[in-house]
Amino acid sequence: MSKVSKTDWKRLSEMDDKDIDTSDIPELDDAFFQNAELKVPSKQPVTLRIDSDVLVWFKSQGQGYQTRINKLLRAYMESQQR
């Protein structure tokens, strides 16, 4: 991993399950799992030519610029399918 985790993994590994507050997470019942679908997005590595100023702008927004570009392309694709 290139990113340094800010999570206190030692403290978490020493924590008991009973000490974790899950009050804001609803229990999943059998009905949830009957209707659940596993969807794994498959991403393809591509070479894409983008104007340098556009790429600089996306990168200036911080980490995740490729994901943001993908979301915009997906939104455009979905709008054209209507």
N, C-alpha and C. Protein backbone atom coordinates (compact mmCIF):
# COMPACT_ATOMS: atom_id res chain seq x y z
N MET A 1 0.84 -1.19 0.00
CA MET A 1 0.00 0.00 0.00
C MET A 1 0.88 1.24 0.00
N SER A 2 0.48 2.21 -0.79
CA SER A 2 1.25 3.45 -0.84
C SER A 2 0.75 4.45 0.20
N LYS A 3 -0.46 4.28 0.71
CA LYS A 3 -1.00 5.20 1.70
C LYS A 3 -0.73 4.66 3.10
N VAL A 4 -0.43 5.56 4.03
CA VAL A 4 -0.23 5.17 5.41
C VAL A 4 -1.59 5.23 6.10
N SER A 5 -1.95 4.14 6.77
CA SER A 5 -3.24 4.07 7.45
C SER A 5 -3.21 4.93 8.70
N LYS A 6 -4.31 5.64 8.95
CA LYS A 6 -4.45 6.43 10.17
C LYS A 6 -5.22 5.65 11.24
N THR A 7 -5.57 4.40 10.92
CA THR A 7 -6.33 3.57 11.85
C THR A 7 -5.40 3.03 12.94
N ASP A 8 -5.87 3.04 14.16
CA ASP A 8 -5.12 2.48 15.28
C ASP A 8 -5.40 0.97 15.34
N TRP A 9 -4.71 0.22 14.47
CA TRP A 9 -4.97 -1.21 14.34
C TRP A 9 -4.70 -1.97 15.62
N LYS A 10 -3.69 -1.57 16.39
CA LYS A 10 -3.37 -2.27 17.65
C LYS A 10 -4.54 -2.16 18.62
N ARG A 11 -5.06 -0.95 18.76
CA ARG A 11 -6.21 -0.75 19.67
C ARG A 11 -7.41 -1.57 19.21
N LEU A 12 -7.67 -1.58 17.90
CA LEU A 12 -8.80 -2.34 17.37
C LEU A 12 -8.62 -3.84 17.58
N SER A 13 -7.41 -4.33 17.39
CA SER A 13 -7.20 -5.78 17.54
C SER A 13 -7.37 -6.22 18.99
N GLU A 14 -7.16 -5.29 19.92
CA GLU A 14 -7.33 -5.62 21.35
C GLU A 14 -8.76 -5.42 21.83
N MET A 15 -9.61 -4.86 20.99
CA MET A 15 -10.99 -4.55 21.36
C MET A 15 -11.87 -5.81 21.23
N ASP A 16 -12.76 -6.01 22.20
CA ASP A 16 -13.72 -7.11 22.14
C ASP A 16 -14.91 -6.70 21.28
N ASP A 17 -15.55 -7.67 20.63
CA ASP A 17 -16.72 -7.38 19.80
C ASP A 17 -17.80 -6.66 20.58
N LYS A 18 -17.97 -7.01 21.85
CA LYS A 18 -19.02 -6.40 22.68
C LYS A 18 -18.78 -4.91 22.91
N ASP A 19 -17.54 -4.45 22.70
CA ASP A 19 -17.20 -3.04 22.91
C ASP A 19 -17.47 -2.18 21.68
N ILE A 20 -17.88 -2.79 20.58
CA ILE A 20 -18.13 -2.04 19.35
C ILE A 20 -19.59 -1.58 19.35
N ASP A 21 -19.79 -0.27 19.20
CA ASP A 21 -21.14 0.29 19.18
C ASP A 21 -21.74 0.11 17.79
N THR A 22 -22.73 -0.77 17.68
CA THR A 22 -23.41 -1.01 16.41
C THR A 22 -24.86 -0.51 16.44
N SER A 23 -25.16 0.38 17.39
CA SER A 23 -26.54 0.84 17.56
C SER A 23 -27.08 1.59 16.34
N ASP A 24 -26.19 2.13 15.51
CA ASP A 24 -26.65 2.88 14.34
C ASP A 24 -26.67 2.02 13.08
N ILE A 25 -26.45 0.71 13.24
CA ILE A 25 -26.42 -0.20 12.10
C ILE A 25 -27.59 -1.19 12.25
N PRO A 26 -28.54 -1.21 11.31
CA PRO A 26 -29.66 -2.14 11.45
C PRO A 26 -29.21 -3.59 11.27
N GLU A 27 -29.87 -4.49 11.98
CA GLU A 27 -29.60 -5.92 11.81
C GLU A 27 -30.06 -6.37 10.43
N LEU A 28 -29.31 -7.25 9.81
CA LEU A 28 -29.71 -7.80 8.51
C LEU A 28 -30.46 -9.10 8.76
N ASP A 29 -31.69 -9.16 8.25
CA ASP A 29 -32.50 -10.35 8.45
C ASP A 29 -32.46 -11.25 7.21
N ASP A 30 -33.17 -12.37 7.29
CA ASP A 30 -33.19 -13.33 6.17
C ASP A 30 -33.74 -12.70 4.89
N ALA A 31 -34.70 -11.78 5.01
CA ALA A 31 -35.28 -11.13 3.82
C ALA A 31 -34.21 -10.35 3.06
N PHE A 32 -33.31 -9.71 3.80
CA PHE A 32 -32.23 -8.98 3.13
C PHE A 32 -31.39 -9.92 2.28
N PHE A 33 -31.00 -11.04 2.86
CA PHE A 33 -30.11 -11.95 2.14
C PHE A 33 -30.82 -12.69 1.01
N GLN A 34 -32.14 -12.86 1.09
CA GLN A 34 -32.88 -13.49 -0.01
C GLN A 34 -32.86 -12.61 -1.25
N ASN A 35 -32.83 -11.30 -1.06
CA ASN A 35 -32.86 -10.37 -2.19
C ASN A 35 -31.49 -9.78 -2.54
N ALA A 36 -30.48 -10.13 -1.77
CA ALA A 36 -29.15 -9.55 -1.98
C ALA A 36 -28.51 -10.10 -3.25
N GLU A 37 -27.79 -9.24 -3.95
CA GLU A 37 -27.04 -9.63 -5.14
C GLU A 37 -25.62 -9.14 -5.00
N LEU A 38 -24.69 -9.99 -5.35
CA LEU A 38 -23.30 -9.59 -5.35
C LEU A 38 -22.96 -9.03 -6.72
N LYS A 39 -22.53 -7.79 -6.74
CA LYS A 39 -22.14 -7.16 -8.00
C LYS A 39 -20.70 -6.68 -7.85
N VAL A 40 -19.82 -7.29 -8.59
CA VAL A 40 -18.42 -6.91 -8.55
C VAL A 40 -18.10 -6.14 -9.82
N PRO A 41 -17.79 -4.86 -9.67
CA PRO A 41 -17.48 -4.09 -10.88
C PRO A 41 -16.14 -4.56 -11.45
N SER A 42 -16.10 -4.70 -12.74
CA SER A 42 -14.83 -5.06 -13.36
C SER A 42 -14.29 -3.84 -14.06
N LYS A 43 -13.11 -3.47 -13.69
CA LYS A 43 -12.49 -2.30 -14.29
C LYS A 43 -11.41 -2.76 -15.25
N GLN A 44 -11.29 -2.05 -16.33
CA GLN A 44 -10.31 -2.36 -17.36
C GLN A 44 -9.26 -1.25 -17.39
N PRO A 45 -7.99 -1.63 -17.34
CA PRO A 45 -6.97 -0.58 -17.51
C PRO A 45 -6.96 -0.12 -18.96
N VAL A 46 -6.93 1.19 -19.16
CA VAL A 46 -6.92 1.75 -20.51
C VAL A 46 -5.91 2.89 -20.59
N THR A 47 -5.53 3.19 -21.79
CA THR A 47 -4.76 4.40 -22.06
C THR A 47 -5.73 5.39 -22.66
N LEU A 48 -5.83 6.55 -22.06
CA LEU A 48 -6.81 7.55 -22.48
C LEU A 48 -6.11 8.89 -22.62
N ARG A 49 -6.31 9.54 -23.73
CA ARG A 49 -5.71 10.86 -23.94
C ARG A 49 -6.69 11.93 -23.45
N ILE A 50 -6.25 12.69 -22.46
CA ILE A 50 -7.06 13.74 -21.87
C ILE A 50 -6.26 15.03 -21.95
N ASP A 51 -6.92 16.13 -22.25
CA ASP A 51 -6.23 17.42 -22.27
C ASP A 51 -5.52 17.63 -20.93
N SER A 52 -4.30 18.14 -21.01
CA SER A 52 -3.47 18.25 -19.80
C SER A 52 -4.12 19.13 -18.73
N ASP A 53 -4.79 20.21 -19.12
CA ASP A 53 -5.42 21.07 -18.12
C ASP A 53 -6.58 20.37 -17.42
N VAL A 54 -7.28 19.50 -18.15
CA VAL A 54 -8.37 18.73 -17.55
C VAL A 54 -7.79 17.75 -16.52
N LEU A 55 -6.73 17.06 -16.88
CA LEU A 55 -6.10 16.11 -15.97
C LEU A 55 -5.54 16.82 -14.74
N VAL A 56 -4.89 17.95 -14.95
CA VAL A 56 -4.35 18.73 -13.82
C VAL A 56 -5.48 19.12 -12.88
N TRP A 57 -6.61 19.56 -13.43
CA TRP A 57 -7.74 19.96 -12.59
C TRP A 57 -8.26 18.79 -11.76
N PHE A 58 -8.45 17.62 -12.41
CA PHE A 58 -8.93 16.45 -11.66
C PHE A 58 -7.95 16.06 -10.57
N LYS A 59 -6.67 16.04 -10.90
CA LYS A 59 -5.66 15.67 -9.91
C LYS A 59 -5.60 16.68 -8.76
N SER A 60 -5.88 17.94 -9.05
CA SER A 60 -5.83 18.97 -8.01
C SER A 60 -6.95 18.79 -6.98
N GLN A 61 -7.95 18.00 -7.31
CA GLN A 61 -9.06 17.75 -6.39
C GLN A 61 -8.69 16.72 -5.32
N GLY A 62 -7.51 16.11 -5.46
CA GLY A 62 -7.04 15.15 -4.46
C GLY A 62 -7.14 13.72 -4.94
N GLN A 63 -6.85 12.82 -4.02
CA GLN A 63 -6.86 11.40 -4.35
C GLN A 63 -8.24 10.98 -4.84
N GLY A 64 -8.25 9.98 -5.70
CA GLY A 64 -9.50 9.47 -6.23
C GLY A 64 -9.92 10.12 -7.53
N TYR A 65 -9.00 10.80 -8.18
CA TYR A 65 -9.38 11.52 -9.41
C TYR A 65 -9.84 10.56 -10.50
N GLN A 66 -9.24 9.37 -10.57
CA GLN A 66 -9.67 8.41 -11.59
C GLN A 66 -11.09 7.93 -11.32
N THR A 67 -11.42 7.74 -10.06
CA THR A 67 -12.78 7.34 -9.69
C THR A 67 -13.77 8.44 -10.06
N ARG A 68 -13.40 9.69 -9.82
CA ARG A 68 -14.30 10.81 -10.17
C ARG A 68 -14.50 10.88 -11.68
N ILE A 69 -13.43 10.70 -12.44
CA ILE A 69 -13.57 10.69 -13.90
C ILE A 69 -14.50 9.57 -14.33
N ASN A 70 -14.33 8.39 -13.72
CA ASN A 70 -15.19 7.24 -14.07
C ASN A 70 -16.65 7.54 -13.74
N LYS A 71 -16.91 8.17 -12.59
CA LYS A 71 -18.30 8.50 -12.21
C LYS A 71 -18.93 9.47 -13.21
N LEU A 72 -18.16 10.45 -13.66
CA LEU A 72 -18.68 11.39 -14.65
C LEU A 72 -18.97 10.70 -15.98
N LEU A 73 -18.07 9.82 -16.39
CA LEU A 73 -18.31 9.08 -17.64
C LEU A 73 -19.53 8.17 -17.51
N ARG A 74 -19.71 7.55 -16.34
CA ARG A 74 -20.87 6.69 -16.13
C ARG A 74 -22.16 7.50 -16.17
N ALA A 75 -22.17 8.67 -15.53
CA ALA A 75 -23.36 9.53 -15.53
C ALA A 75 -23.71 9.94 -16.95
N TYR A 76 -22.70 10.29 -17.74
CA TYR A 76 -22.94 10.65 -19.12
C TYR A 76 -23.52 9.46 -19.91
N MET A 77 -22.89 8.29 -19.73
CA MET A 77 -23.37 7.08 -20.41
C MET A 77 -24.83 6.80 -20.07
N GLU A 78 -25.17 6.86 -18.77
CA GLU A 78 -26.53 6.57 -18.35
C GLU A 78 -27.52 7.61 -18.88
N SER A 79 -27.11 8.87 -18.97
CA SER A 79 -28.01 9.90 -19.50
C SER A 79 -28.29 9.68 -20.97
N GLN A 80 -27.34 9.12 -21.69
CA GLN A 80 -27.52 8.85 -23.11
C GLN A 80 -28.34 7.60 -23.39
N GLN A 81 -28.48 6.75 -22.40
CA GLN A 81 -29.24 5.50 -22.57
C GLN A 81 -30.73 5.70 -22.34
N ARG A 82 -31.13 6.86 -21.88
CA ARG A 82 -32.55 7.11 -21.58
C ARG A 82 -33.32 7.41 -22.82
